[in-house]
mmCIF file of all heavy atoms, coordinates in Angstrom:
data_MODEL
# 
_entry.id   MODEL 
# 
loop_
_atom_site.group_PDB 
_atom_site.id 
_atom_site.type_symbol 
_atom_site.label_atom_id 
_atom_site.label_alt_id 
_atom_site.label_comp_id 
_atom_site.label_asym_id 
_atom_site.label_entity_id 
_atom_site.label_seq_id 
_atom_site.pdbx_PDB_ins_code 
_atom_site.Cartn_x 
_atom_site.Cartn_y 
_atom_site.Cartn_z 
_atom_site.occupancy 
_atom_site.B_iso_or_equiv 
_atom_site.pdbx_formal_charge 
_atom_site.auth_seq_id 
_atom_site.auth_comp_id 
_atom_site.auth_asym_id 
_atom_site.auth_atom_id 
_atom_site.pdbx_PDB_model_num 
ATOM 1   N N   . GLU A 1 1  ? -5.246  -0.818 -1.804  1.00 0.00 ? 1  GLU A N   1 
ATOM 2   C CA  . GLU A 1 1  ? -5.102  -1.944 -0.902  1.00 0.00 ? 1  GLU A CA  1 
ATOM 3   C C   . GLU A 1 1  ? -3.778  -1.735 0.029   1.00 0.00 ? 1  GLU A C   1 
ATOM 4   O O   . GLU A 1 1  ? -3.880  -2.063 1.199   1.00 0.00 ? 1  GLU A O   1 
ATOM 5   C CB  . GLU A 1 1  ? -4.897  -3.180 -1.693  1.00 0.00 ? 1  GLU A CB  1 
ATOM 6   C CG  . GLU A 1 1  ? -4.874  -4.437 -0.892  1.00 0.00 ? 1  GLU A CG  1 
ATOM 7   C CD  . GLU A 1 1  ? -4.719  -5.816 -1.645  1.00 0.00 ? 1  GLU A CD  1 
ATOM 8   O OE1 . GLU A 1 1  ? -4.884  -5.675 -2.848  1.00 0.00 ? 1  GLU A OE1 1 
ATOM 9   O OE2 . GLU A 1 1  ? -4.385  -6.825 -1.114  1.00 0.00 ? 1  GLU A OE2 1 
ATOM 10  N N   . GLN A 1 2  ? -2.698  -1.337 -0.600  1.00 0.00 ? 2  GLN A N   1 
ATOM 11  C CA  . GLN A 1 2  ? -1.489  -1.109 0.048   1.00 0.00 ? 2  GLN A CA  1 
ATOM 12  C C   . GLN A 1 2  ? -1.654  0.069  1.075   1.00 0.00 ? 2  GLN A C   1 
ATOM 13  O O   . GLN A 1 2  ? -1.244  0.060  2.234   1.00 0.00 ? 2  GLN A O   1 
ATOM 14  C CB  . GLN A 1 2  ? -0.375  -0.697 -0.945  1.00 0.00 ? 2  GLN A CB  1 
ATOM 15  C CG  . GLN A 1 2  ? 0.024   -1.831 -1.815  1.00 0.00 ? 2  GLN A CG  1 
ATOM 16  C CD  . GLN A 1 2  ? 0.620   -3.018 -1.069  1.00 0.00 ? 2  GLN A CD  1 
ATOM 17  O OE1 . GLN A 1 2  ? 1.340   -2.935 -0.093  1.00 0.00 ? 2  GLN A OE1 1 
ATOM 18  N NE2 . GLN A 1 2  ? 0.318   -4.234 -1.513  1.00 0.00 ? 2  GLN A NE2 1 
ATOM 19  N N   . VAL A 1 3  ? -2.422  1.078  0.645   1.00 0.00 ? 3  VAL A N   1 
ATOM 20  C CA  . VAL A 1 3  ? -2.668  2.300  1.430   1.00 0.00 ? 3  VAL A CA  1 
ATOM 21  C C   . VAL A 1 3  ? -3.342  1.875  2.735   1.00 0.00 ? 3  VAL A C   1 
ATOM 22  O O   . VAL A 1 3  ? -3.082  2.303  3.887   1.00 0.00 ? 3  VAL A O   1 
ATOM 23  C CB  . VAL A 1 3  ? -3.389  3.403  0.722   1.00 0.00 ? 3  VAL A CB  1 
ATOM 24  C CG1 . VAL A 1 3  ? -3.782  4.438  1.721   1.00 0.00 ? 3  VAL A CG1 1 
ATOM 25  C CG2 . VAL A 1 3  ? -2.528  3.960  -0.451  1.00 0.00 ? 3  VAL A CG2 1 
ATOM 26  N N   . VAL A 1 4  ? -4.461  1.112  2.582   1.00 0.00 ? 4  VAL A N   1 
ATOM 27  C CA  . VAL A 1 4  ? -5.321  0.690  3.729   1.00 0.00 ? 4  VAL A CA  1 
ATOM 28  C C   . VAL A 1 4  ? -4.547  -0.200 4.634   1.00 0.00 ? 4  VAL A C   1 
ATOM 29  O O   . VAL A 1 4  ? -4.685  -0.063 5.830   1.00 0.00 ? 4  VAL A O   1 
ATOM 30  C CB  . VAL A 1 4  ? -6.635  0.047  3.223   1.00 0.00 ? 4  VAL A CB  1 
ATOM 31  C CG1 . VAL A 1 4  ? -7.414  -0.533 4.394   1.00 0.00 ? 4  VAL A CG1 1 
ATOM 32  C CG2 . VAL A 1 4  ? -7.509  1.116  2.460   1.00 0.00 ? 4  VAL A CG2 1 
ATOM 33  N N   . ASN A 1 5  ? -3.773  -1.052 4.140   1.00 0.00 ? 5  ASN A N   1 
ATOM 34  C CA  . ASN A 1 5  ? -3.175  -2.129 4.906   1.00 0.00 ? 5  ASN A CA  1 
ATOM 35  C C   . ASN A 1 5  ? -1.932  -1.624 5.713   1.00 0.00 ? 5  ASN A C   1 
ATOM 36  O O   . ASN A 1 5  ? -1.521  -2.190 6.645   1.00 0.00 ? 5  ASN A O   1 
ATOM 37  C CB  . ASN A 1 5  ? -2.698  -3.327 3.968   1.00 0.00 ? 5  ASN A CB  1 
ATOM 38  C CG  . ASN A 1 5  ? -3.820  -4.180 3.621   1.00 0.00 ? 5  ASN A CG  1 
ATOM 39  O OD1 . ASN A 1 5  ? -4.930  -4.083 4.223   1.00 0.00 ? 5  ASN A OD1 1 
ATOM 40  N ND2 . ASN A 1 5  ? -3.795  -4.829 2.487   1.00 0.00 ? 5  ASN A ND2 1 
ATOM 41  N N   . CYS A 1 6  ? -1.395  -0.373 5.296   1.00 0.00 ? 6  CYS A N   1 
ATOM 42  C CA  . CYS A 1 6  ? -0.246  0.009  6.027   1.00 0.00 ? 6  CYS A CA  1 
ATOM 43  C C   . CYS A 1 6  ? -0.420  0.495  7.416   1.00 0.00 ? 6  CYS A C   1 
ATOM 44  O O   . CYS A 1 6  ? 0.390   0.467  8.247   1.00 0.00 ? 6  CYS A O   1 
ATOM 45  C CB  . CYS A 1 6  ? 0.481   1.189  5.148   1.00 0.00 ? 6  CYS A CB  1 
ATOM 46  S SG  . CYS A 1 6  ? -0.275  2.766  5.370   1.00 0.00 ? 6  CYS A SG  1 
ATOM 47  N N   . LYS A 1 7  ? -1.760  0.953  7.773   1.00 0.00 ? 7  LYS A N   1 
ATOM 48  C CA  . LYS A 1 7  ? -2.152  1.208  9.054   1.00 0.00 ? 7  LYS A CA  1 
ATOM 49  C C   . LYS A 1 7  ? -1.501  2.376  9.606   1.00 0.00 ? 7  LYS A C   1 
ATOM 50  O O   . LYS A 1 7  ? -1.667  2.697  10.799  1.00 0.00 ? 7  LYS A O   1 
ATOM 51  C CB  . LYS A 1 7  ? -2.127  0.076  10.036  1.00 0.00 ? 7  LYS A CB  1 
ATOM 52  C CG  . LYS A 1 7  ? -2.718  -1.249 9.581   1.00 0.00 ? 7  LYS A CG  1 
ATOM 53  C CD  . LYS A 1 7  ? -4.181  -1.001 9.438   1.00 0.00 ? 7  LYS A CD  1 
ATOM 54  C CE  . LYS A 1 7  ? -4.904  -2.292 9.115   1.00 0.00 ? 7  LYS A CE  1 
ATOM 55  N NZ  . LYS A 1 7  ? -6.426  -2.156 8.972   1.00 0.00 ? 7  LYS A NZ  1 
ATOM 56  N N   . ASP A 1 8  ? -0.681  3.158  8.901   1.00 0.00 ? 8  ASP A N   1 
ATOM 57  C CA  . ASP A 1 8  ? 0.017   4.262  9.454   1.00 0.00 ? 8  ASP A CA  1 
ATOM 58  C C   . ASP A 1 8  ? -0.681  5.537  9.035   1.00 0.00 ? 8  ASP A C   1 
ATOM 59  O O   . ASP A 1 8  ? -0.802  5.816  7.731   1.00 0.00 ? 8  ASP A O   1 
ATOM 60  C CB  . ASP A 1 8  ? 1.393   4.382  8.989   1.00 0.00 ? 8  ASP A CB  1 
ATOM 61  C CG  . ASP A 1 8  ? 2.241   5.517  9.611   1.00 0.00 ? 8  ASP A CG  1 
ATOM 62  O OD1 . ASP A 1 8  ? 2.241   6.622  8.933   1.00 0.00 ? 8  ASP A OD1 1 
ATOM 63  O OD2 . ASP A 1 8  ? 2.800   5.334  10.662  1.00 0.00 ? 8  ASP A OD2 1 
ATOM 64  N N   . ASP A 1 9  ? -1.166  6.398  9.961   1.00 0.00 ? 9  ASP A N   1 
ATOM 65  C CA  . ASP A 1 9  ? -2.001  7.499  9.499   1.00 0.00 ? 9  ASP A CA  1 
ATOM 66  C C   . ASP A 1 9  ? -1.249  8.509  8.694   1.00 0.00 ? 9  ASP A C   1 
ATOM 67  O O   . ASP A 1 9  ? -1.836  9.041  7.756   1.00 0.00 ? 9  ASP A O   1 
ATOM 68  C CB  . ASP A 1 9  ? -2.712  8.139  10.801  1.00 0.00 ? 9  ASP A CB  1 
ATOM 69  C CG  . ASP A 1 9  ? -1.649  8.607  11.784  1.00 0.00 ? 9  ASP A CG  1 
ATOM 70  O OD1 . ASP A 1 9  ? -0.484  8.249  11.566  1.00 0.00 ? 9  ASP A OD1 1 
ATOM 71  O OD2 . ASP A 1 9  ? -1.999  9.264  12.749  1.00 0.00 ? 9  ASP A OD2 1 
ATOM 72  N N   . LEU A 1 10 ? -0.040  8.797  9.014   1.00 0.00 ? 10 LEU A N   1 
ATOM 73  C CA  . LEU A 1 10 ? 0.755   9.786  8.256   1.00 0.00 ? 10 LEU A CA  1 
ATOM 74  C C   . LEU A 1 10 ? 0.974   9.260  6.777   1.00 0.00 ? 10 LEU A C   1 
ATOM 75  O O   . LEU A 1 10 ? 0.833   9.946  5.867   1.00 0.00 ? 10 LEU A O   1 
ATOM 76  C CB  . LEU A 1 10 ? 2.092   10.044 8.942   1.00 0.00 ? 10 LEU A CB  1 
ATOM 77  C CG  . LEU A 1 10 ? 2.861   11.214 8.375   1.00 0.00 ? 10 LEU A CG  1 
ATOM 78  C CD1 . LEU A 1 10 ? 2.115   12.581 8.310   1.00 0.00 ? 10 LEU A CD1 1 
ATOM 79  C CD2 . LEU A 1 10 ? 4.196   11.359 9.153   1.00 0.00 ? 10 LEU A CD2 1 
ATOM 80  N N   . ALA A 1 11 ? 1.344   8.000  6.679   1.00 0.00 ? 11 ALA A N   1 
ATOM 81  C CA  . ALA A 1 11 ? 1.519   7.408  5.387   1.00 0.00 ? 11 ALA A CA  1 
ATOM 82  C C   . ALA A 1 11 ? 0.380   7.355  4.587   1.00 0.00 ? 11 ALA A C   1 
ATOM 83  O O   . ALA A 1 11 ? 0.324   7.687  3.352   1.00 0.00 ? 11 ALA A O   1 
ATOM 84  C CB  . ALA A 1 11 ? 2.078   5.995  5.494   1.00 0.00 ? 11 ALA A CB  1 
ATOM 85  N N   . GLN A 1 12 ? -0.829  6.906  5.196   1.00 0.00 ? 12 GLN A N   1 
ATOM 86  C CA  . GLN A 1 12 ? -2.130  6.939  4.564   1.00 0.00 ? 12 GLN A CA  1 
ATOM 87  C C   . GLN A 1 12 ? -2.462  8.223  3.940   1.00 0.00 ? 12 GLN A C   1 
ATOM 88  O O   . GLN A 1 12 ? -2.808  8.420  2.759   1.00 0.00 ? 12 GLN A O   1 
ATOM 89  C CB  . GLN A 1 12 ? -3.246  6.454  5.446   1.00 0.00 ? 12 GLN A CB  1 
ATOM 90  C CG  . GLN A 1 12 ? -3.097  4.935  5.759   1.00 0.00 ? 12 GLN A CG  1 
ATOM 91  C CD  . GLN A 1 12 ? -4.150  4.478  6.725   1.00 0.00 ? 12 GLN A CD  1 
ATOM 92  O OE1 . GLN A 1 12 ? -4.842  5.258  7.352   1.00 0.00 ? 12 GLN A OE1 1 
ATOM 93  N NE2 . GLN A 1 12 ? -4.484  3.228  6.566   1.00 0.00 ? 12 GLN A NE2 1 
ATOM 94  N N   . TYR A 1 13 ? -2.269  9.302  4.657   1.00 0.00 ? 13 TYR A N   1 
ATOM 95  C CA  . TYR A 1 13 ? -2.646  10.709 4.272   1.00 0.00 ? 13 TYR A CA  1 
ATOM 96  C C   . TYR A 1 13 ? -1.724  11.072 3.118   1.00 0.00 ? 13 TYR A C   1 
ATOM 97  O O   . TYR A 1 13 ? -2.226  11.484 2.007   1.00 0.00 ? 13 TYR A O   1 
ATOM 98  C CB  . TYR A 1 13 ? -2.469  11.735 5.388   1.00 0.00 ? 13 TYR A CB  1 
ATOM 99  C CG  . TYR A 1 13 ? -2.732  13.117 4.994   1.00 0.00 ? 13 TYR A CG  1 
ATOM 100 C CD1 . TYR A 1 13 ? -3.978  13.572 4.765   1.00 0.00 ? 13 TYR A CD1 1 
ATOM 101 C CD2 . TYR A 1 13 ? -1.604  13.953 4.615   1.00 0.00 ? 13 TYR A CD2 1 
ATOM 102 C CE1 . TYR A 1 13 ? -4.099  14.958 4.308   1.00 0.00 ? 13 TYR A CE1 1 
ATOM 103 C CE2 . TYR A 1 13 ? -1.844  15.228 4.311   1.00 0.00 ? 13 TYR A CE2 1 
ATOM 104 C CZ  . TYR A 1 13 ? -3.055  15.713 4.059   1.00 0.00 ? 13 TYR A CZ  1 
ATOM 105 O OH  . TYR A 1 13 ? -3.265  17.048 3.648   1.00 0.00 ? 13 TYR A OH  1 
ATOM 106 N N   . TYR A 1 14 ? -0.467  10.808 3.223   1.00 0.00 ? 14 TYR A N   1 
ATOM 107 C CA  . TYR A 1 14 ? 0.559   11.119 2.217   1.00 0.00 ? 14 TYR A CA  1 
ATOM 108 C C   . TYR A 1 14 ? 0.215   10.458 0.863   1.00 0.00 ? 14 TYR A C   1 
ATOM 109 O O   . TYR A 1 14 ? 0.286   10.991 -0.215  1.00 0.00 ? 14 TYR A O   1 
ATOM 110 C CB  . TYR A 1 14 ? 1.871   10.901 2.669   1.00 0.00 ? 14 TYR A CB  1 
ATOM 111 C CG  . TYR A 1 14 ? 3.082   11.127 1.545   1.00 0.00 ? 14 TYR A CG  1 
ATOM 112 C CD1 . TYR A 1 14 ? 3.299   12.413 1.087   1.00 0.00 ? 14 TYR A CD1 1 
ATOM 113 C CD2 . TYR A 1 14 ? 3.682   10.024 1.008   1.00 0.00 ? 14 TYR A CD2 1 
ATOM 114 C CE1 . TYR A 1 14 ? 4.270   12.604 0.115   1.00 0.00 ? 14 TYR A CE1 1 
ATOM 115 C CE2 . TYR A 1 14 ? 4.473   10.235 -0.081  1.00 0.00 ? 14 TYR A CE2 1 
ATOM 116 C CZ  . TYR A 1 14 ? 4.886   11.567 -0.328  1.00 0.00 ? 14 TYR A CZ  1 
ATOM 117 O OH  . TYR A 1 14 ? 5.808   11.616 -1.379  1.00 0.00 ? 14 TYR A OH  1 
ATOM 118 N N   . LEU A 1 15 ? 0.012   9.151  0.969   1.00 0.00 ? 15 LEU A N   1 
ATOM 119 C CA  . LEU A 1 15 ? -0.283  8.306  -0.217  1.00 0.00 ? 15 LEU A CA  1 
ATOM 120 C C   . LEU A 1 15 ? -1.561  8.664  -0.956  1.00 0.00 ? 15 LEU A C   1 
ATOM 121 O O   . LEU A 1 15 ? -1.624  8.714  -2.205  1.00 0.00 ? 15 LEU A O   1 
ATOM 122 C CB  . LEU A 1 15 ? -0.240  6.722  0.105   1.00 0.00 ? 15 LEU A CB  1 
ATOM 123 C CG  . LEU A 1 15 ? 1.146   6.269  0.568   1.00 0.00 ? 15 LEU A CG  1 
ATOM 124 C CD1 . LEU A 1 15 ? 1.018   4.872  1.189   1.00 0.00 ? 15 LEU A CD1 1 
ATOM 125 C CD2 . LEU A 1 15 ? 2.091   6.212  -0.589  1.00 0.00 ? 15 LEU A CD2 1 
ATOM 126 N N   . MET A 1 16 ? -2.605  8.930  -0.145  1.00 0.00 ? 16 MET A N   1 
ATOM 127 C CA  . MET A 1 16 ? -3.849  9.342  -0.752  1.00 0.00 ? 16 MET A CA  1 
ATOM 128 C C   . MET A 1 16 ? -3.680  10.674 -1.458  1.00 0.00 ? 16 MET A C   1 
ATOM 129 O O   . MET A 1 16 ? -4.254  10.993 -2.499  1.00 0.00 ? 16 MET A O   1 
ATOM 130 C CB  . MET A 1 16 ? -4.962  9.539  0.284   1.00 0.00 ? 16 MET A CB  1 
ATOM 131 C CG  . MET A 1 16 ? -5.369  8.178  0.917   1.00 0.00 ? 16 MET A CG  1 
ATOM 132 S SD  . MET A 1 16 ? -6.192  7.029  -0.338  1.00 0.00 ? 16 MET A SD  1 
ATOM 133 C CE  . MET A 1 16 ? -7.756  7.964  -0.644  1.00 0.00 ? 16 MET A CE  1 
ATOM 134 N N   . GLU A 1 17 ? -3.021  11.588 -0.909  1.00 0.00 ? 17 GLU A N   1 
ATOM 135 C CA  . GLU A 1 17 ? -2.601  12.836 -1.492  1.00 0.00 ? 17 GLU A CA  1 
ATOM 136 C C   . GLU A 1 17 ? -1.866  12.713 -2.885  1.00 0.00 ? 17 GLU A C   1 
ATOM 137 O O   . GLU A 1 17 ? -2.081  13.367 -3.825  1.00 0.00 ? 17 GLU A O   1 
ATOM 138 C CB  . GLU A 1 17 ? -1.878  13.712 -0.551  1.00 0.00 ? 17 GLU A CB  1 
ATOM 139 C CG  . GLU A 1 17 ? -1.679  15.159 -0.976  1.00 0.00 ? 17 GLU A CG  1 
ATOM 140 C CD  . GLU A 1 17 ? -0.923  16.042 -0.026  1.00 0.00 ? 17 GLU A CD  1 
ATOM 141 O OE1 . GLU A 1 17 ? -0.072  15.583 0.649   1.00 0.00 ? 17 GLU A OE1 1 
ATOM 142 O OE2 . GLU A 1 17 ? -1.331  17.256 -0.013  1.00 0.00 ? 17 GLU A OE2 1 
ATOM 143 N N   . CYS A 1 18 ? -0.947  11.808 -2.845  1.00 0.00 ? 18 CYS A N   1 
ATOM 144 C CA  . CYS A 1 18 ? -0.176  11.350 -3.978  1.00 0.00 ? 18 CYS A CA  1 
ATOM 145 C C   . CYS A 1 18 ? -1.080  10.918 -5.143  1.00 0.00 ? 18 CYS A C   1 
ATOM 146 O O   . CYS A 1 18 ? -0.946  11.267 -6.332  1.00 0.00 ? 18 CYS A O   1 
ATOM 147 C CB  . CYS A 1 18 ? 0.920   10.357 -3.713  1.00 0.00 ? 18 CYS A CB  1 
ATOM 148 S SG  . CYS A 1 18 ? 2.295   11.050 -2.845  1.00 0.00 ? 18 CYS A SG  1 
ATOM 149 N N   . ILE A 1 19 ? -2.004  10.058 -4.839  1.00 0.00 ? 19 ILE A N   1 
ATOM 150 C CA  . ILE A 1 19 ? -2.928  9.450  -5.855  1.00 0.00 ? 19 ILE A CA  1 
ATOM 151 C C   . ILE A 1 19 ? -3.665  10.651 -6.426  1.00 0.00 ? 19 ILE A C   1 
ATOM 152 O O   . ILE A 1 19 ? -3.837  10.672 -7.594  1.00 0.00 ? 19 ILE A O   1 
ATOM 153 C CB  . ILE A 1 19 ? -3.847  8.486  -5.139  1.00 0.00 ? 19 ILE A CB  1 
ATOM 154 C CG1 . ILE A 1 19 ? -3.061  7.258  -4.677  1.00 0.00 ? 19 ILE A CG1 1 
ATOM 155 C CG2 . ILE A 1 19 ? -5.074  8.065  -6.106  1.00 0.00 ? 19 ILE A CG2 1 
ATOM 156 C CD1 . ILE A 1 19 ? -3.924  6.172  -3.876  1.00 0.00 ? 19 ILE A CD1 1 
ATOM 157 N N   . ILE A 1 20 ? -4.221  11.535 -5.655  1.00 0.00 ? 20 ILE A N   1 
ATOM 158 C CA  . ILE A 1 20 ? -5.014  12.600 -6.178  1.00 0.00 ? 20 ILE A CA  1 
ATOM 159 C C   . ILE A 1 20 ? -4.199  13.557 -7.016  1.00 0.00 ? 20 ILE A C   1 
ATOM 160 O O   . ILE A 1 20 ? -4.710  14.029 -8.030  1.00 0.00 ? 20 ILE A O   1 
ATOM 161 C CB  . ILE A 1 20 ? -5.768  13.403 -4.904  1.00 0.00 ? 20 ILE A CB  1 
ATOM 162 C CG1 . ILE A 1 20 ? -6.789  12.496 -4.266  1.00 0.00 ? 20 ILE A CG1 1 
ATOM 163 C CG2 . ILE A 1 20 ? -6.323  14.697 -5.375  1.00 0.00 ? 20 ILE A CG2 1 
ATOM 164 C CD1 . ILE A 1 20 ? -7.320  12.949 -3.039  1.00 0.00 ? 20 ILE A CD1 1 
ATOM 165 N N   . GLN A 1 21 ? -3.063  13.882 -6.547  1.00 0.00 ? 21 GLN A N   1 
ATOM 166 C CA  . GLN A 1 21 ? -2.136  14.853 -7.212  1.00 0.00 ? 21 GLN A CA  1 
ATOM 167 C C   . GLN A 1 21 ? -1.497  14.319 -8.540  1.00 0.00 ? 21 GLN A C   1 
ATOM 168 O O   . GLN A 1 21 ? -1.225  15.080 -9.535  1.00 0.00 ? 21 GLN A O   1 
ATOM 169 C CB  . GLN A 1 21 ? -1.123  15.446 -6.310  1.00 0.00 ? 21 GLN A CB  1 
ATOM 170 C CG  . GLN A 1 21 ? -1.686  16.171 -5.119  1.00 0.00 ? 21 GLN A CG  1 
ATOM 171 C CD  . GLN A 1 21 ? -2.538  17.368 -5.446  1.00 0.00 ? 21 GLN A CD  1 
ATOM 172 O OE1 . GLN A 1 21 ? -2.418  17.869 -6.554  1.00 0.00 ? 21 GLN A OE1 1 
ATOM 173 N NE2 . GLN A 1 21 ? -3.346  17.694 -4.591  1.00 0.00 ? 21 GLN A NE2 1 
ATOM 174 N N   . VAL A 1 22 ? -1.298  12.981 -8.579  1.00 0.00 ? 22 VAL A N   1 
ATOM 175 C CA  . VAL A 1 22 ? -0.473  12.397 -9.603  1.00 0.00 ? 22 VAL A CA  1 
ATOM 176 C C   . VAL A 1 22 ? -1.231  12.022 -10.820 1.00 0.00 ? 22 VAL A C   1 
ATOM 177 O O   . VAL A 1 22 ? -0.855  12.352 -11.973 1.00 0.00 ? 22 VAL A O   1 
ATOM 178 C CB  . VAL A 1 22 ? 0.392   11.140 -9.120  1.00 0.00 ? 22 VAL A CB  1 
ATOM 179 C CG1 . VAL A 1 22 ? 1.014   10.378 -10.208 1.00 0.00 ? 22 VAL A CG1 1 
ATOM 180 C CG2 . VAL A 1 22 ? 1.539   11.681 -8.251  1.00 0.00 ? 22 VAL A CG2 1 
ATOM 181 N N   . PHE A 1 23 ? -2.398  11.351 -10.610 1.00 0.00 ? 23 PHE A N   1 
ATOM 182 C CA  . PHE A 1 23 ? -3.028  10.835 -11.756 1.00 0.00 ? 23 PHE A CA  1 
ATOM 183 C C   . PHE A 1 23 ? -4.071  11.897 -12.442 1.00 0.00 ? 23 PHE A C   1 
ATOM 184 O O   . PHE A 1 23 ? -4.496  12.803 -11.695 1.00 0.00 ? 23 PHE A O   1 
ATOM 185 C CB  . PHE A 1 23 ? -3.893  9.621  -11.318 1.00 0.00 ? 23 PHE A CB  1 
ATOM 186 C CG  . PHE A 1 23 ? -3.001  8.326  -10.917 1.00 0.00 ? 23 PHE A CG  1 
ATOM 187 C CD1 . PHE A 1 23 ? -2.724  8.168  -9.601  1.00 0.00 ? 23 PHE A CD1 1 
ATOM 188 C CD2 . PHE A 1 23 ? -2.450  7.636  -12.001 1.00 0.00 ? 23 PHE A CD2 1 
ATOM 189 C CE1 . PHE A 1 23 ? -1.986  6.965  -9.350  1.00 0.00 ? 23 PHE A CE1 1 
ATOM 190 C CE2 . PHE A 1 23 ? -1.612  6.533  -11.707 1.00 0.00 ? 23 PHE A CE2 1 
ATOM 191 C CZ  . PHE A 1 23 ? -1.369  6.230  -10.374 1.00 0.00 ? 23 PHE A CZ  1 
ATOM 192 N N   . PRO A 1 24 ? -4.393  11.781 -13.645 1.00 0.00 ? 24 PRO A N   1 
ATOM 193 C CA  . PRO A 1 24 ? -5.207  12.736 -14.349 1.00 0.00 ? 24 PRO A CA  1 
ATOM 194 C C   . PRO A 1 24 ? -6.578  12.924 -13.838 1.00 0.00 ? 24 PRO A C   1 
ATOM 195 O O   . PRO A 1 24 ? -7.094  11.954 -13.228 1.00 0.00 ? 24 PRO A O   1 
ATOM 196 C CB  . PRO A 1 24 ? -5.252  12.259 -15.824 1.00 0.00 ? 24 PRO A CB  1 
ATOM 197 C CG  . PRO A 1 24 ? -3.995  11.250 -15.818 1.00 0.00 ? 24 PRO A CG  1 
ATOM 198 C CD  . PRO A 1 24 ? -4.013  10.649 -14.490 1.00 0.00 ? 24 PRO A CD  1 
ATOM 199 N N   . ASP A 1 25 ? -7.200  14.175 -14.034 1.00 0.00 ? 25 ASP A N   1 
ATOM 200 C CA  . ASP A 1 25 ? -8.491  14.431 -13.546 1.00 0.00 ? 25 ASP A CA  1 
ATOM 201 C C   . ASP A 1 25 ? -9.544  13.372 -14.070 1.00 0.00 ? 25 ASP A C   1 
ATOM 202 O O   . ASP A 1 25 ? -10.416 13.018 -13.379 1.00 0.00 ? 25 ASP A O   1 
ATOM 203 C CB  . ASP A 1 25 ? -8.895  15.859 -13.939 1.00 0.00 ? 25 ASP A CB  1 
ATOM 204 C CG  . ASP A 1 25 ? -7.999  16.801 -13.249 1.00 0.00 ? 25 ASP A CG  1 
ATOM 205 O OD1 . ASP A 1 25 ? -7.696  16.640 -12.085 1.00 0.00 ? 25 ASP A OD1 1 
ATOM 206 O OD2 . ASP A 1 25 ? -7.557  17.765 -13.918 1.00 0.00 ? 25 ASP A OD2 1 
ATOM 207 N N   . ASP A 1 26 ? -9.489  13.153 -15.363 1.00 0.00 ? 26 ASP A N   1 
ATOM 208 C CA  . ASP A 1 26 ? -10.448 12.235 -16.004 1.00 0.00 ? 26 ASP A CA  1 
ATOM 209 C C   . ASP A 1 26 ? -10.335 10.872 -15.384 1.00 0.00 ? 26 ASP A C   1 
ATOM 210 O O   . ASP A 1 26 ? -11.272 10.154 -15.363 1.00 0.00 ? 26 ASP A O   1 
ATOM 211 C CB  . ASP A 1 26 ? -10.383 12.271 -17.451 1.00 0.00 ? 26 ASP A CB  1 
ATOM 212 C CG  . ASP A 1 26 ? -8.963  11.871 -17.996 1.00 0.00 ? 26 ASP A CG  1 
ATOM 213 O OD1 . ASP A 1 26 ? -7.994  11.952 -17.201 1.00 0.00 ? 26 ASP A OD1 1 
ATOM 214 O OD2 . ASP A 1 26 ? -8.811  11.454 -19.187 1.00 0.00 ? 26 ASP A OD2 1 
ATOM 215 N N   . TYR A 1 27 ? -9.234  10.455 -14.999 1.00 0.00 ? 27 TYR A N   1 
ATOM 216 C CA  . TYR A 1 27 ? -9.131  9.066  -14.258 1.00 0.00 ? 27 TYR A CA  1 
ATOM 217 C C   . TYR A 1 27 ? -9.884  9.128  -13.077 1.00 0.00 ? 27 TYR A C   1 
ATOM 218 O O   . TYR A 1 27 ? -10.667 8.153  -12.635 1.00 0.00 ? 27 TYR A O   1 
ATOM 219 C CB  . TYR A 1 27 ? -7.613  8.794  -14.032 1.00 0.00 ? 27 TYR A CB  1 
ATOM 220 C CG  . TYR A 1 27 ? -6.793  8.253  -15.108 1.00 0.00 ? 27 TYR A CG  1 
ATOM 221 C CD1 . TYR A 1 27 ? -7.084  8.672  -16.359 1.00 0.00 ? 27 TYR A CD1 1 
ATOM 222 C CD2 . TYR A 1 27 ? -5.721  7.395  -14.902 1.00 0.00 ? 27 TYR A CD2 1 
ATOM 223 C CE1 . TYR A 1 27 ? -6.286  8.150  -17.442 1.00 0.00 ? 27 TYR A CE1 1 
ATOM 224 C CE2 . TYR A 1 27 ? -4.977  6.995  -16.000 1.00 0.00 ? 27 TYR A CE2 1 
ATOM 225 C CZ  . TYR A 1 27 ? -5.265  7.289  -17.246 1.00 0.00 ? 27 TYR A CZ  1 
ATOM 226 O OH  . TYR A 1 27 ? -4.451  6.840  -18.272 1.00 0.00 ? 27 TYR A OH  1 
ATOM 227 N N   . HIS A 1 28 ? -9.743  10.163 -12.270 1.00 0.00 ? 28 HIS A N   1 
ATOM 228 C CA  . HIS A 1 28 ? -10.429 10.281 -10.969 1.00 0.00 ? 28 HIS A CA  1 
ATOM 229 C C   . HIS A 1 28 ? -11.912 10.267 -11.289 1.00 0.00 ? 28 HIS A C   1 
ATOM 230 O O   . HIS A 1 28 ? -12.650 9.785  -10.381 1.00 0.00 ? 28 HIS A O   1 
ATOM 231 C CB  . HIS A 1 28 ? -10.001 11.640 -10.211 1.00 0.00 ? 28 HIS A CB  1 
ATOM 232 C CG  . HIS A 1 28 ? -8.640  11.631 -9.702  1.00 0.00 ? 28 HIS A CG  1 
ATOM 233 N ND1 . HIS A 1 28 ? -7.951  10.551 -9.264  1.00 0.00 ? 28 HIS A ND1 1 
ATOM 234 C CD2 . HIS A 1 28 ? -7.705  12.653 -9.750  1.00 0.00 ? 28 HIS A CD2 1 
ATOM 235 C CE1 . HIS A 1 28 ? -6.709  10.922 -8.922  1.00 0.00 ? 28 HIS A CE1 1 
ATOM 236 N NE2 . HIS A 1 28 ? -6.521  12.171 -9.178  1.00 0.00 ? 28 HIS A NE2 1 
ATOM 237 N N   . LEU A 1 29 ? -12.348 11.000 -12.194 1.00 0.00 ? 29 LEU A N   1 
ATOM 238 C CA  . LEU A 1 29 ? -13.792 11.229 -12.482 1.00 0.00 ? 29 LEU A CA  1 
ATOM 239 C C   . LEU A 1 29 ? -14.384 9.752  -12.745 1.00 0.00 ? 29 LEU A C   1 
ATOM 240 O O   . LEU A 1 29 ? -15.604 9.459  -12.395 1.00 0.00 ? 29 LEU A O   1 
ATOM 241 C CB  . LEU A 1 29 ? -14.026 12.038 -13.692 1.00 0.00 ? 29 LEU A CB  1 
ATOM 242 C CG  . LEU A 1 29 ? -15.414 12.459 -14.015 1.00 0.00 ? 29 LEU A CG  1 
ATOM 243 C CD1 . LEU A 1 29 ? -16.167 13.117 -12.806 1.00 0.00 ? 29 LEU A CD1 1 
ATOM 244 C CD2 . LEU A 1 29 ? -15.431 13.324 -15.230 1.00 0.00 ? 29 LEU A CD2 1 
# 
């Protein structure tokens, strides 16, 4: 929700990358 609402393309890309890299694989699955 925070990522979508920030409306900044650079921030959105960085935060989405953080989510993917930080949390475990089985969480993503």
